[in-house]
């Protein structure tokens, strides 16, 4: 097993543990909505500290339900991941193309030198 495979397996295990442990340990069982986002937590904290607080601005679009809000967030995350994957794939492809060109040039230079030495011997 290669070093990269071992690292990938350890990272995969760590991600799985981060996803499963909060559920297995029952973290958040005492809350009405145990795994709310940071925005909802901040809003709750602000209203507890200062009940008469008024926001500076309102959202441009308020989704009709939490499920739609979650779906839009997931879509945003997927689009971001797609853009990053495209960028890194493009960089890797260019790097591989440059390496192939250099190998081809080196191979043709060696072949050219061999032909030249063979011609000089004749």
PDB file of N, CA and C in Angstrom:
ATOM      1  N   UNK A   1       0.855  -1.170   0.000  1.00  0.00           N
ATOM      2  CA  UNK A   1       0.000   0.000   0.000  1.00  0.00           C
ATOM      3  C   UNK A   1       0.904   1.236   0.000  1.00  0.00           C
ATOM      4  N   UNK A   2       0.612   2.163  -0.893  1.00  0.00           N
ATOM      5  CA  UNK A   2       1.465   3.338  -1.031  1.00  0.00           C
ATOM      6  C   UNK A   2       1.189   4.341   0.092  1.00  0.00           C
ATOM      7  N   UNK A   3       2.102   5.285   0.235  1.00  0.00           N
ATOM      8  CA  UNK A   3       1.981   6.311   1.272  1.00  0.00           C
ATOM      9  C   UNK A   3       0.733   7.163   1.061  1.00  0.00           C
ATOM     10  N   UNK A   4       0.445   7.513  -0.200  1.00  0.00           N
ATOM     11  CA  UNK A   4      -0.740   8.325  -0.497  1.00  0.00           C
ATOM     12  C   UNK A   4      -2.027   7.594  -0.144  1.00  0.00           C
ATOM     13  N   UNK A   5      -2.069   6.295  -0.392  1.00  0.00           N
ATOM     14  CA  UNK A   5      -3.254   5.511  -0.073  1.00  0.00           C
ATOM     15  C   UNK A   5      -3.479   5.490   1.439  1.00  0.00           C
ATOM     16  N   UNK A   6      -2.404   5.334   2.201  1.00  0.00           N
ATOM     17  CA  UNK A   6      -2.529   5.337   3.666  1.00  0.00           C
ATOM     18  C   UNK A   6      -3.037   6.687   4.166  1.00  0.00           C
ATOM     19  N   UNK A   7      -2.495   7.765   3.632  1.00  0.00           N
ATOM     20  CA  UNK A   7      -2.932   9.110   4.038  1.00  0.00           C
ATOM     21  C   UNK A   7      -4.404   9.311   3.686  1.00  0.00           C
ATOM     22  N   UNK A   8      -4.802   8.899   2.497  1.00  0.00           N
ATOM     23  CA  UNK A   8      -6.208   9.041   2.082  1.00  0.00           C
ATOM     24  C   UNK A   8      -7.138   8.247   2.987  1.00  0.00           C
ATOM     25  N   UNK A   9      -6.730   7.038   3.381  1.00  0.00           N
ATOM     26  CA  UNK A   9      -7.565   6.227   4.271  1.00  0.00           C
ATOM     27  C   UNK A   9      -7.691   6.865   5.651  1.00  0.00           C
ATOM     28  N   UNK A  10      -6.601   7.417   6.170  1.00  0.00           N
ATOM     29  CA  UNK A  10      -6.659   8.087   7.469  1.00  0.00           C
ATOM     30  C   UNK A  10      -7.575   9.300   7.394  1.00  0.00           C
ATOM     31  N   UNK A  11      -7.470  10.097   6.324  1.00  0.00           N
ATOM     32  CA  UNK A  11      -8.329  11.267   6.169  1.00  0.00           C
ATOM     33  C   UNK A  11      -9.794  10.872   6.022  1.00  0.00           C
ATOM     34  N   UNK A  12     -10.054   9.810   5.265  1.00  0.00           N
ATOM     35  CA  UNK A  12     -11.421   9.319   5.105  1.00  0.00           C
ATOM     36  C   UNK A  12     -12.000   8.871   6.443  1.00  0.00           C
ATOM     37  N   UNK A  13     -11.197   8.171   7.234  1.00  0.00           N
ATOM     38  CA  UNK A  13     -11.636   7.728   8.554  1.00  0.00           C
ATOM     39  C   UNK A  13     -11.919   8.926   9.454  1.00  0.00           C
ATOM     40  N   UNK A  14     -11.063   9.955   9.408  1.00  0.00           N
ATOM     41  CA  UNK A  14     -11.265  11.149  10.229  1.00  0.00           C
ATOM     42  C   UNK A  14     -12.558  11.867   9.853  1.00  0.00           C
ATOM     43  N   UNK A  15     -12.836  11.993   8.564  1.00  0.00           N
ATOM     44  CA  UNK A  15     -14.068  12.645   8.119  1.00  0.00           C
ATOM     45  C   UNK A  15     -15.292  11.845   8.560  1.00  0.00           C
ATOM     46  N   UNK A  16     -15.222  10.525   8.427  1.00  0.00           N
ATOM     47  CA  UNK A  16     -16.339   9.683   8.859  1.00  0.00           C
ATOM     48  C   UNK A  16     -16.558   9.813  10.361  1.00  0.00           C
ATOM     49  N   UNK A  17     -15.472   9.860  11.127  1.00  0.00           N
ATOM     50  CA  UNK A  17     -15.590  10.006  12.581  1.00  0.00           C
ATOM     51  C   UNK A  17     -16.214  11.351  12.938  1.00  0.00           C
ATOM     52  N   UNK A  18     -15.814  12.417  12.239  1.00  0.00           N
ATOM     53  CA  UNK A  18     -16.391  13.732  12.507  1.00  0.00           C
ATOM     54  C   UNK A  18     -17.878  13.776  12.183  1.00  0.00           C
ATOM     55  N   UNK A  19     -18.312  12.997  11.229  1.00  0.00           N
ATOM     56  CA  UNK A  19     -19.722  12.974  10.860  1.00  0.00           C
ATOM     57  C   UNK A  19     -20.544  12.100  11.806  1.00  0.00           C
ATOM     58  N   UNK A  20     -19.972  11.002  12.287  1.00  0.00           N
ATOM     59  CA  UNK A  20     -20.739  10.029  13.062  1.00  0.00           C
ATOM     60  C   UNK A  20     -20.675  10.289  14.569  1.00  0.00           C
ATOM     61  N   UNK A  21     -19.544  10.751  15.078  1.00  0.00           N
ATOM     62  CA  UNK A  21     -19.393  10.905  16.526  1.00  0.00           C
ATOM     63  C   UNK A  21     -20.424  11.842  17.166  1.00  0.00           C
ATOM     64  N   UNK A  22     -20.715  13.007  16.615  1.00  0.00           N
ATOM     65  CA  UNK A  22     -21.733  13.848  17.270  1.00  0.00           C
ATOM     66  C   UNK A  22     -23.098  13.161  17.367  1.00  0.00           C
ATOM     67  N   UNK A  23     -23.432  12.373  16.381  1.00  0.00           N
ATOM     68  CA  UNK A  23     -24.708  11.653  16.416  1.00  0.00           C
ATOM     69  C   UNK A  23     -24.655  10.502  17.410  1.00  0.00           C
ATOM     70  N   UNK A  24     -23.540   9.777  17.447  1.00  0.00           N
ATOM     71  CA  UNK A  24     -23.411   8.622  18.327  1.00  0.00           C
ATOM     72  C   UNK A  24     -23.326   9.042  19.797  1.00  0.00           C
ATOM     73  N   UNK A  25     -22.680  10.175  20.068  1.00  0.00           N
ATOM     74  CA  UNK A  25     -22.527  10.631  21.441  1.00  0.00           C
ATOM     75  C   UNK A  25     -23.741  11.404  21.937  1.00  0.00           C
ATOM     76  N   UNK A  26     -24.676  11.701  21.052  1.00  0.00           N
ATOM     77  CA  UNK A  26     -25.901  12.389  21.450  1.00  0.00           C
ATOM     78  C   UNK A  26     -25.702  13.867  21.719  1.00  0.00           C
ATOM     79  N   UNK A  27     -24.718  14.452  21.086  1.00  0.00           N
ATOM     80  CA  UNK A  27     -24.487  15.873  21.273  1.00  0.00           C
ATOM     81  C   UNK A  27     -25.658  16.651  20.685  1.00  0.00           C
ATOM     82  N   UNK A  28     -26.192  17.566  21.444  1.00  0.00           N
ATOM     83  CA  UNK A  28     -27.299  18.369  20.970  1.00  0.00           C
ATOM     84  C   UNK A  28     -28.657  17.777  21.262  1.00  0.00           C
ATOM     85  N   UNK A  29     -28.716  16.680  22.015  1.00  0.00           N
ATOM     86  CA  UNK A  29     -30.019  16.071  22.312  1.00  0.00           C
ATOM     87  C   UNK A  29     -30.904  16.970  23.164  1.00  0.00           C
ATOM     88  N   UNK A  30     -30.305  17.855  23.937  1.00  0.00           N
ATOM     89  CA  UNK A  30     -31.070  18.713  24.830  1.00  0.00           C
ATOM     90  C   UNK A  30     -31.669  19.924  24.103  1.00  0.00           C
ATOM     91  N   UNK A  31     -31.323  20.115  22.841  1.00  0.00           N
ATOM     92  CA  UNK A  31     -31.820  21.268  22.090  1.00  0.00           C
ATOM     93  C   UNK A  31     -33.032  20.891  21.247  1.00  0.00           C
ATOM     94  N   UNK A  32     -33.850  21.909  20.933  1.00  0.00           N
ATOM     95  CA  UNK A  32     -35.013  21.690  20.075  1.00  0.00           C
ATOM     96  C   UNK A  32     -34.555  21.330  18.662  1.00  0.00           C
ATOM     97  N   UNK A  33     -33.629  22.105  18.118  1.00  0.00           N
ATOM     98  CA  UNK A  33     -33.008  21.817  16.822  1.00  0.00           C
ATOM     99  C   UNK A  33     -31.519  21.637  17.068  1.00  0.00           C
ATOM    100  N   UNK A  34     -31.047  20.404  17.185  1.00  0.00           N
ATOM    101  CA  UNK A  34     -29.682  20.171  17.654  1.00  0.00           C
ATOM    102  C   UNK A  34     -28.574  20.639  16.714  1.00  0.00           C
ATOM    103  N   UNK A  35     -28.788  20.605  15.444  1.00  0.00           N
ATOM    104  CA  UNK A  35     -27.702  20.927  14.529  1.00  0.00           C
ATOM    105  C   UNK A  35     -28.084  22.096  13.620  1.00  0.00           C
ATOM    106  N   UNK A  36     -28.411  23.218  14.223  1.00  0.00           N
ATOM    107  CA  UNK A  36     -28.730  24.405  13.440  1.00  0.00           C
ATOM    108  C   UNK A  36     -27.446  25.074  12.990  1.00  0.00           C
ATOM    109  N   UNK A  37     -27.572  25.943  12.009  1.00  0.00           N
ATOM    110  CA  UNK A  37     -26.401  26.628  11.484  1.00  0.00           C
ATOM    111  C   UNK A  37     -25.926  27.738  12.404  1.00  0.00           C
ATOM    112  N   UNK A  38     -24.764  28.276  12.083  1.00  0.00           N
ATOM    113  CA  UNK A  38     -24.166  29.343  12.886  1.00  0.00           C
ATOM    114  C   UNK A  38     -25.028  30.601  12.855  1.00  0.00           C
ATOM    115  N   UNK A  39     -25.690  30.861  11.739  1.00  0.00           N
ATOM    116  CA  UNK A  39     -26.544  32.045  11.647  1.00  0.00           C
ATOM    117  C   UNK A  39     -27.695  31.976  12.652  1.00  0.00           C
ATOM    118  N   UNK A  40     -28.324  30.826  12.744  1.00  0.00           N
ATOM    119  CA  UNK A  40     -29.440  30.662  13.671  1.00  0.00           C
ATOM    120  C   UNK A  40     -28.953  30.747  15.116  1.00  0.00           C
ATOM    121  N   UNK A  41     -27.790  30.173  15.401  1.00  0.00           N
ATOM    122  CA  UNK A  41     -27.227  30.242  16.751  1.00  0.00           C
ATOM    123  C   UNK A  41     -26.913  31.692  17.122  1.00  0.00           C
ATOM    124  N   UNK A  42     -26.341  32.450  16.181  1.00  0.00           N
ATOM    125  CA  UNK A  42     -26.011  33.853  16.443  1.00  0.00           C
ATOM    126  C   UNK A  42     -27.281  34.662  16.670  1.00  0.00           C
ATOM    127  N   UNK A  43     -28.302  34.420  15.877  1.00  0.00           N
ATOM    128  CA  UNK A  43     -29.564  35.143  16.035  1.00  0.00           C
ATOM    129  C   UNK A  43     -30.180  34.869  17.404  1.00  0.00           C
ATOM    130  N   UNK A  44     -30.125  33.626  17.842  1.00  0.00           N
ATOM    131  CA  UNK A  44     -30.655  33.266  19.157  1.00  0.00           C
ATOM    132  C   UNK A  44     -29.872  33.967  20.265  1.00  0.00           C
ATOM    133  N   UNK A  45     -28.555  33.974  20.160  1.00  0.00           N
ATOM    134  CA  UNK A  45     -27.720  34.616  21.174  1.00  0.00           C
ATOM    135  C   UNK A  45     -27.978  36.117  21.222  1.00  0.00           C
ATOM    136  N   UNK A  46     -28.112  36.745  20.070  1.00  0.00           N
ATOM    137  CA  UNK A  46     -28.352  38.194  20.034  1.00  0.00           C
ATOM    138  C   UNK A  46     -29.699  38.537  20.651  1.00  0.00           C
ATOM    139  N   UNK A  47     -30.734  37.775  20.330  1.00  0.00           N
ATOM    140  CA  UNK A  47     -32.065  38.083  20.888  1.00  0.00           C
ATOM    141  C   UNK A  47     -32.106  37.817  22.392  1.00  0.00           C
ATOM    142  N   UNK A  48     -31.286  36.879  22.884  1.00  0.00           N
ATOM    143  CA  UNK A  48     -31.231  36.654  24.331  1.00  0.00           C
ATOM    144  C   UNK A  48     -30.520  37.810  25.032  1.00  0.00           C
ATOM    145  N   UNK A  49     -29.448  38.317  24.423  1.00  0.00           N
ATOM    146  CA  UNK A  49     -28.665  39.389  25.043  1.00  0.00           C
ATOM    147  C   UNK A  49     -29.358  40.750  24.934  1.00  0.00           C
ATOM    148  N   UNK A  50     -29.938  41.014  23.782  1.00  0.00           N
ATOM    149  CA  UNK A  50     -30.565  42.319  23.542  1.00  0.00           C
ATOM    150  C   UNK A  50     -31.856  42.105  22.753  1.00  0.00           C
ATOM    151  N   UNK A  51     -32.974  41.923  23.434  1.00  0.00           N
ATOM    152  CA  UNK A  51     -34.237  41.595  22.749  1.00  0.00           C
ATOM    153  C   UNK A  51     -34.751  42.690  21.815  1.00  0.00           C
ATOM    154  N   UNK A  52     -34.383  43.936  22.029  1.00  0.00           N
ATOM    155  CA  UNK A  52     -34.877  45.012  21.179  1.00  0.00           C
ATOM    156  C   UNK A  52     -33.958  45.310  19.999  1.00  0.00           C
ATOM    157  N   UNK A  53     -33.013  44.434  19.729  1.00  0.00           N
ATOM    158  CA  UNK A  53     -32.067  44.644  18.616  1.00  0.00           C
ATOM    159  C   UNK A  53     -32.795  44.549  17.274  1.00  0.00           C
ATOM    160  N   UNK A  54     -32.491  45.485  16.374  1.00  0.00           N
ATOM    161  CA  UNK A  54     -33.061  45.447  15.023  1.00  0.00           C
ATOM    162  C   UNK A  54     -31.928  45.276  14.018  1.00  0.00           C
ATOM    163  N   UNK A  55     -32.053  44.321  13.097  1.00  0.00           N
ATOM    164  CA  UNK A  55     -30.997  44.109  12.102  1.00  0.00           C
ATOM    165  C   UNK A  55     -30.794  45.330  11.215  1.00  0.00           C
ATOM    166  N   UNK A  56     -29.603  45.482  10.691  1.00  0.00           N
ATOM    167  CA  UNK A  56     -29.270  46.613   9.832  1.00  0.00           C
ATOM    168  C   UNK A  56     -29.921  46.492   8.460  1.00  0.00           C
ATOM    169  N   UNK A  57     -30.093  45.272   7.999  1.00  0.00           N
ATOM    170  CA  UNK A  57     -30.687  45.049   6.682  1.00  0.00           C
ATOM    171  C   UNK A  57     -31.447  43.735   6.701  1.00  0.00           C
ATOM    172  N   UNK A  58     -32.244  43.518   5.669  1.00  0.00           N
ATOM    173  CA  UNK A  58     -33.004  42.267   5.564  1.00  0.00           C
ATOM    174  C   UNK A  58     -32.504  41.487   4.355  1.00  0.00           C
ATOM    175  N   UNK A  59     -32.701  40.171   4.355  1.00  0.00           N
ATOM    176  CA  UNK A  59     -32.239  39.361   3.225  1.00  0.00           C
ATOM    177  C   UNK A  59     -32.937  39.738   1.927  1.00  0.00           C
ATOM    178  N   UNK A  60     -32.234  39.544   0.806  1.00  0.00           N
ATOM    179  CA  UNK A  60     -32.835  39.811  -0.506  1.00  0.00           C
ATOM    180  C   UNK A  60     -33.910  38.782  -0.831  1.00  0.00           C
ATOM    181  N   UNK A  61     -33.664  37.542  -0.434  1.00  0.00           N
ATOM    182  CA  UNK A  61     -34.619  36.458  -0.701  1.00  0.00           C
ATOM    183  C   UNK A  61     -34.748  35.612   0.554  1.00  0.00           C
ATOM    184  N   UNK A  62     -35.929  35.408   1.003  1.00  0.00           N
ATOM    185  CA  UNK A  62     -36.186  34.569   2.165  1.00  0.00           C
ATOM    186  C   UNK A  62     -36.874  33.295   1.686  1.00  0.00           C
ATOM    187  N   UNK A  63     -36.185  32.143   1.721  1.00  0.00           N
ATOM    188  CA  UNK A  63     -36.798  30.893   1.261  1.00  0.00           C
ATOM    189  C   UNK A  63     -38.035  30.559   2.100  1.00  0.00           C
ATOM    190  N   UNK A  64     -39.032  29.941   1.467  1.00  0.00           N
ATOM    191  CA  UNK A  64     -40.275  29.651   2.180  1.00  0.00           C
ATOM    192  C   UNK A  64     -40.136  28.591   3.277  1.00  0.00           C
ATOM    193  N   UNK A  65     -39.107  27.744   3.202  1.00  0.00           N
ATOM    194  CA  UNK A  65     -38.945  26.724   4.243  1.00  0.00           C
ATOM    195  C   UNK A  65     -37.460  26.438   4.462  1.00  0.00           C
ATOM    196  N   UNK A  66     -37.184  25.759   5.565  1.00  0.00           N
ATOM    197  CA  UNK A  66     -35.811  25.395   5.890  1.00  0.00           C
ATOM    198  C   UNK A  66     -35.224  24.401   4.910  1.00  0.00           C
ATOM    199  N   UNK A  67     -36.085  23.545   4.345  1.00  0.00           N
ATOM    200  CA  UNK A  67     -35.600  22.547   3.393  1.00  0.00           C
ATOM    201  C   UNK A  67     -35.085  23.212   2.116  1.00  0.00           C
ATOM    202  N   UNK A  68     -35.807  24.219   1.656  1.00  0.00           N
ATOM    203  CA  UNK A  68     -35.381  24.935   0.448  1.00  0.00           C
ATOM    204  C   UNK A  68     -34.092  25.697   0.735  1.00  0.00           C
ATOM    205  N   UNK A  69     -34.001  26.274   1.924  1.00  0.00           N
ATOM    206  CA  UNK A  69     -32.776  26.978   2.305  1.00  0.00           C
ATOM    207  C   UNK A  69     -31.592  26.012   2.324  1.00  0.00           C
ATOM    208  N   UNK A  70     -31.803  24.822   2.863  1.00  0.00           N
ATOM    209  CA  UNK A  70     -30.740  23.810   2.887  1.00  0.00           C
ATOM    210  C   UNK A  70     -30.378  23.365   1.481  1.00  0.00           C
ATOM    211  N   UNK A  71     -31.383  23.209   0.629  1.00  0.00           N
ATOM    212  CA  UNK A  71     -31.115  22.795  -0.749  1.00  0.00           C
ATOM    213  C   UNK A  71     -30.314  23.859  -1.496  1.00  0.00           C
ATOM    214  N   UNK A  72     -30.652  25.128  -1.293  1.00  0.00           N
ATOM    215  CA  UNK A  72     -29.892  26.203  -1.934  1.00  0.00           C
ATOM    216  C   UNK A  72     -28.455  26.251  -1.418  1.00  0.00           C
ATOM    217  N   UNK A  73     -28.288  26.017  -0.130  1.00  0.00           N
ATOM    218  CA  UNK A  73     -26.937  25.990   0.440  1.00  0.00           C
ATOM    219  C   UNK A  73     -26.138  24.823  -0.145  1.00  0.00           C
ATOM    220  N   UNK A  74     -26.776  23.656  -0.269  1.00  0.00           N
ATOM    221  CA  UNK A  74     -26.095  22.495  -0.850  1.00  0.00           C
ATOM    222  C   UNK A  74     -25.744  22.749  -2.311  1.00  0.00           C
ATOM    223  N   UNK A  75     -26.635  23.410  -3.043  1.00  0.00           N
ATOM    224  CA  UNK A  75     -26.354  23.747  -4.434  1.00  0.00           C
ATOM    225  C   UNK A  75     -25.162  24.695  -4.528  1.00  0.00           C
ATOM    226  N   UNK A  76     -25.118  25.671  -3.645  1.00  0.00           N
ATOM    227  CA  UNK A  76     -23.989  26.608  -3.615  1.00  0.00           C
ATOM    228  C   UNK A  76     -22.690  25.865  -3.314  1.00  0.00           C
ATOM    229  N   UNK A  77     -22.711  24.954  -2.366  1.00  0.00           N
ATOM    230  CA  UNK A  77     -21.516  24.182  -2.029  1.00  0.00           C
ATOM    231  C   UNK A  77     -21.087  23.300  -3.200  1.00  0.00           C
ATOM    232  N   UNK A  78     -22.049  22.687  -3.884  1.00  0.00           N
ATOM    233  CA  UNK A  78     -21.724  21.828  -5.024  1.00  0.00           C
ATOM    234  C   UNK A  78     -21.118  22.636  -6.168  1.00  0.00           C
ATOM    235  N   UNK A  79     -21.670  23.812  -6.430  1.00  0.00           N
ATOM    236  CA  UNK A  79     -21.106  24.664  -7.480  1.00  0.00           C
ATOM    237  C   UNK A  79     -19.684  25.096  -7.133  1.00  0.00           C
ATOM    238  N   UNK A  80     -19.465  25.456  -5.892  1.00  0.00           N
ATOM    239  CA  UNK A  80     -18.119  25.835  -5.453  1.00  0.00           C
ATOM    240  C   UNK A  80     -17.142  24.682  -5.575  1.00  0.00           C
ATOM    241  N   UNK A  81     -17.561  23.491  -5.182  1.00  0.00           N
ATOM    242  CA  UNK A  81     -16.705  22.314  -5.305  1.00  0.00           C
ATOM    243  C   UNK A  81     -16.412  22.009  -6.773  1.00  0.00           C
ATOM    244  N   UNK A  82     -17.410  22.187  -7.633  1.00  0.00           N
ATOM    245  CA  UNK A  82     -17.205  21.958  -9.064  1.00  0.00           C
ATOM    246  C   UNK A  82     -16.197  22.930  -9.658  1.00  0.00           C
ATOM    247  N   UNK A  83     -16.283  24.191  -9.269  1.00  0.00           N
ATOM    248  CA  UNK A  83     -15.339  25.192  -9.777  1.00  0.00           C
ATOM    249  C   UNK A  83     -13.920  24.864  -9.309  1.00  0.00           C
ATOM    250  N   UNK A  84     -13.781  24.512  -8.028  1.00  0.00           N
ATOM    251  CA  UNK A  84     -12.459  24.155  -7.518  1.00  0.00           C
ATOM    252  C   UNK A  84     -11.909  22.900  -8.203  1.00  0.00           C
ATOM    253  N   UNK A  85     -12.737  21.889  -8.385  1.00  0.00           N
ATOM    254  CA  UNK A  85     -12.290  20.665  -9.039  1.00  0.00           C
ATOM    255  C   UNK A  85     -11.871  20.946 -10.475  1.00  0.00           C
ATOM    256  N   UNK A  86     -12.615  21.778 -11.180  1.00  0.00           N
ATOM    257  CA  UNK A  86     -12.247  22.138 -12.550  1.00  0.00           C
ATOM    258  C   UNK A  86     -10.900  22.840 -12.569  1.00  0.00           C
ATOM    259  N   UNK A  87     -10.706  23.795 -11.666  1.00  0.00           N
ATOM    260  CA  UNK A  87      -9.462  24.555 -11.628  1.00  0.00           C
ATOM    261  C   UNK A  87      -8.262  23.639 -11.351  1.00  0.00           C
ATOM    262  N   UNK A  88      -8.382  22.793 -10.319  1.00  0.00           N
ATOM    263  CA  UNK A  88      -7.260  21.913  -9.993  1.00  0.00           C
ATOM    264  C   UNK A  88      -7.030  20.872 -11.081  1.00  0.00           C
ATOM    265  N   UNK A  89      -8.089  20.381 -11.712  1.00  0.00           N
ATOM    266  CA  UNK A  89      -7.931  19.448 -12.825  1.00  0.00           C
ATOM    267  C   UNK A  89      -7.256  20.099 -14.015  1.00  0.00           C
ATOM    268  N   UNK A  90      -7.624  21.336 -14.296  1.00  0.00           N
ATOM    269  CA  UNK A  90      -7.000  22.079 -15.394  1.00  0.00           C
ATOM    270  C   UNK A  90      -5.514  22.283 -15.125  1.00  0.00           C
ATOM    271  N   UNK A  91      -5.174  22.672 -13.900  1.00  0.00           N
ATOM    272  CA  UNK A  91      -3.759  22.864 -13.555  1.00  0.00           C
ATOM    273  C   UNK A  91      -2.977  21.560 -13.697  1.00  0.00           C
ATOM    274  N   UNK A  92      -3.555  20.462 -13.229  1.00  0.00           N
ATOM    275  CA  UNK A  92      -2.862  19.175 -13.308  1.00  0.00           C
ATOM    276  C   UNK A  92      -2.698  18.749 -14.766  1.00  0.00           C
ATOM    277  N   UNK A  93      -3.735  18.940 -15.564  1.00  0.00           N
ATOM    278  CA  UNK A  93      -3.652  18.586 -16.980  1.00  0.00           C
ATOM    279  C   UNK A  93      -2.588  19.392 -17.709  1.00  0.00           C
ATOM    280  N   UNK A  94      -2.510  20.677 -17.414  1.00  0.00           N
ATOM    281  CA  UNK A  94      -1.478  21.506 -18.037  1.00  0.00           C
ATOM    282  C   UNK A  94      -0.085  21.043 -17.620  1.00  0.00           C
ATOM    283  N   UNK A  95       0.069  20.742 -16.344  1.00  0.00           N
ATOM    284  CA  UNK A  95       1.367  20.278 -15.853  1.00  0.00           C
ATOM    285  C   UNK A  95       1.765  18.956 -16.520  1.00  0.00           C
ATOM    286  N   UNK A  96       0.815  18.046 -16.660  1.00  0.00           N
ATOM    287  CA  UNK A  96       1.103  16.772 -17.328  1.00  0.00           C
ATOM    288  C   UNK A  96       1.435  16.994 -18.797  1.00  0.00           C
ATOM    289  N   UNK A  97       0.722  17.918 -19.458  1.00  0.00           N
ATOM    290  CA  UNK A  97       1.003  18.219 -20.860  1.00  0.00           C
ATOM    291  C   UNK A  97       2.399  18.789 -21.033  1.00  0.00           C
ATOM    292  N   UNK A  98       2.788  19.698 -20.142  1.00  0.00           N
ATOM    293  CA  UNK A  98       4.132  20.269 -20.211  1.00  0.00           C
ATOM    294  C   UNK A  98       5.187  19.194 -20.006  1.00  0.00           C
ATOM    295  N   UNK A  99       4.945  18.284 -19.074  1.00  0.00           N
ATOM    296  CA  UNK A  99       5.895  17.196 -18.819  1.00  0.00           C
ATOM    297  C   UNK A  99       6.036  16.303 -20.052  1.00  0.00           C
ATOM    298  N   UNK A 100       4.918  16.001 -20.713  1.00  0.00           N
ATOM    299  CA  UNK A 100       4.974  15.157 -21.917  1.00  0.00           C
ATOM    300  C   UNK A 100       5.744  15.839 -23.043  1.00  0.00           C
ATOM    301  N   UNK A 101       5.530  17.144 -23.193  1.00  0.00           N
ATOM    302  CA  UNK A 101       6.250  17.893 -24.232  1.00  0.00           C
ATOM    303  C   UNK A 101       7.741  17.857 -23.946  1.00  0.00           C
ATOM    304  N   UNK A 102       8.134  18.069 -22.690  1.00  0.00           N
ATOM    305  CA  UNK A 102       9.553  18.032 -22.336  1.00  0.00           C
ATOM    306  C   UNK A 102      10.151  16.650 -22.560  1.00  0.00           C
ATOM    307  N   UNK A 103       9.395  15.605 -22.222  1.00  0.00           N
ATOM    308  CA  UNK A 103       9.880  14.235 -22.450  1.00  0.00           C
ATOM    309  C   UNK A 103      10.031  13.964 -23.938  1.00  0.00           C
ATOM    310  N   UNK A 104       9.062  14.447 -24.737  1.00  0.00           N
ATOM    311  CA  UNK A 104       9.122  14.253 -26.177  1.00  0.00           C
ATOM    312  C   UNK A 104      10.336  14.978 -26.775  1.00  0.00           C
ATOM    313  N   UNK A 105      10.568  16.215 -26.319  1.00  0.00           N
ATOM    314  CA  UNK A 105      11.708  16.983 -26.811  1.00  0.00           C
ATOM    315  C   UNK A 105      13.019  16.322 -26.412  1.00  0.00           C
ATOM    316  N   UNK A 106      13.083  15.816 -25.171  1.00  0.00           N
ATOM    317  CA  UNK A 106      14.300  15.140 -24.721  1.00  0.00           C
ATOM    318  C   UNK A 106      14.514  13.856 -25.515  1.00  0.00           C
ATOM    319  N   UNK A 107      13.430  13.135 -25.774  1.00  0.00           N
ATOM    320  CA  UNK A 107      13.536  11.897 -26.553  1.00  0.00           C
ATOM    321  C   UNK A 107      13.957  12.160 -27.980  1.00  0.00           C
ATOM    322  N   UNK A 108      13.432  13.228 -28.577  1.00  0.00           N
ATOM    323  CA  UNK A 108      13.816  13.539 -29.960  1.00  0.00           C
ATOM    324  C   UNK A 108      15.246  14.063 -30.013  1.00  0.00           C
ATOM    325  N   UNK A 109      15.698  14.752 -28.966  1.00  0.00           N
ATOM    326  CA  UNK A 109      17.084  15.234 -28.936  1.00  0.00           C
ATOM    327  C   UNK A 109      18.040  14.052 -28.831  1.00  0.00           C
ATOM    328  N   UNK A 110      17.693  13.055 -28.036  1.00  0.00           N
ATOM    329  CA  UNK A 110      18.541  11.863 -27.902  1.00  0.00           C
ATOM    330  C   UNK A 110      18.555  11.092 -29.215  1.00  0.00           C
ATOM    331  N   UNK A 111      17.399  10.963 -29.857  1.00  0.00           N
ATOM    332  CA  UNK A 111      17.323  10.247 -31.132  1.00  0.00           C
ATOM    333  C   UNK A 111      18.104  10.997 -32.208  1.00  0.00           C
ATOM    334  N   UNK A 112      17.999  12.320 -32.190  1.00  0.00           N
ATOM    335  CA  UNK A 112      18.740  13.130 -33.161  1.00  0.00           C
ATOM    336  C   UNK A 112      20.237  12.999 -32.958  1.00  0.00           C
ATOM    337  N   UNK A 113      20.683  12.959 -31.710  1.00  0.00           N
ATOM    338  CA  UNK A 113      22.112  12.803 -31.416  1.00  0.00           C
ATOM    339  C   UNK A 113      22.592  11.428 -31.837  1.00  0.00           C
ATOM    340  N   UNK A 114      21.775  10.411 -31.651  1.00  0.00           N
ATOM    341  CA  UNK A 114      22.153   9.051 -32.044  1.00  0.00           C
ATOM    342  C   UNK A 114      22.263   8.950 -33.554  1.00  0.00           C
ATOM    343  N   UNK A 115      21.336   9.572 -34.285  1.00  0.00           N
ATOM    344  CA  UNK A 115      21.404   9.556 -35.753  1.00  0.00           C
ATOM    345  C   UNK A 115      22.631  10.307 -36.241  1.00  0.00           C
ATOM    346  N   UNK A 116      22.938  11.403 -35.578  1.00  0.00           N
ATOM    347  CA  UNK A 116      24.117  12.210 -35.983  1.00  0.00           C
ATOM    348  C   UNK A 116      25.403  11.426 -35.758  1.00  0.00           C
ATOM    349  N   UNK A 117      25.512  10.729 -34.627  1.00  0.00           N
ATOM    350  CA  UNK A 117      26.724   9.956 -34.365  1.00  0.00           C
ATOM    351  C   UNK A 117      26.814   8.768 -35.321  1.00  0.00           C
ATOM    352  N   UNK A 118      25.682   8.183 -35.685  1.00  0.00           N
ATOM    353  CA  UNK A 118      25.694   7.064 -36.633  1.00  0.00           C
ATOM    354  C   UNK A 118      26.111   7.556 -38.011  1.00  0.00           C
ATOM    355  N   UNK A 119      25.689   8.747 -38.400  1.00  0.00           N
ATOM    356  CA  UNK A 119      26.062   9.327 -39.687  1.00  0.00           C
ATOM    357  C   UNK A 119      27.545   9.686 -39.698  1.00  0.00           C
ATOM    358  N   UNK A 120      28.073  10.134 -38.598  1.00  0.00           N
ATOM    359  CA  UNK A 120      29.496  10.489 -38.526  1.00  0.00           C
ATOM    360  C   UNK A 120      30.367   9.249 -38.626  1.00  0.00           C
ATOM    361  N   UNK A 121      29.901   8.119 -38.099  1.00  0.00           N
ATOM    362  CA  UNK A 121      30.671   6.883 -38.165  1.00  0.00           C
ATOM    363  C   UNK A 121      30.746   6.353 -39.594  1.00  0.00           C
ATOM    364  N   UNK A 122      29.728   6.623 -40.372  1.00  0.00           N
ATOM    365  CA  UNK A 122      29.704   6.106 -41.755  1.00  0.00           C
ATOM    366  C   UNK A 122      30.580   6.860 -42.621  1.00  0.00           C
TER     367      UNK A 122
END
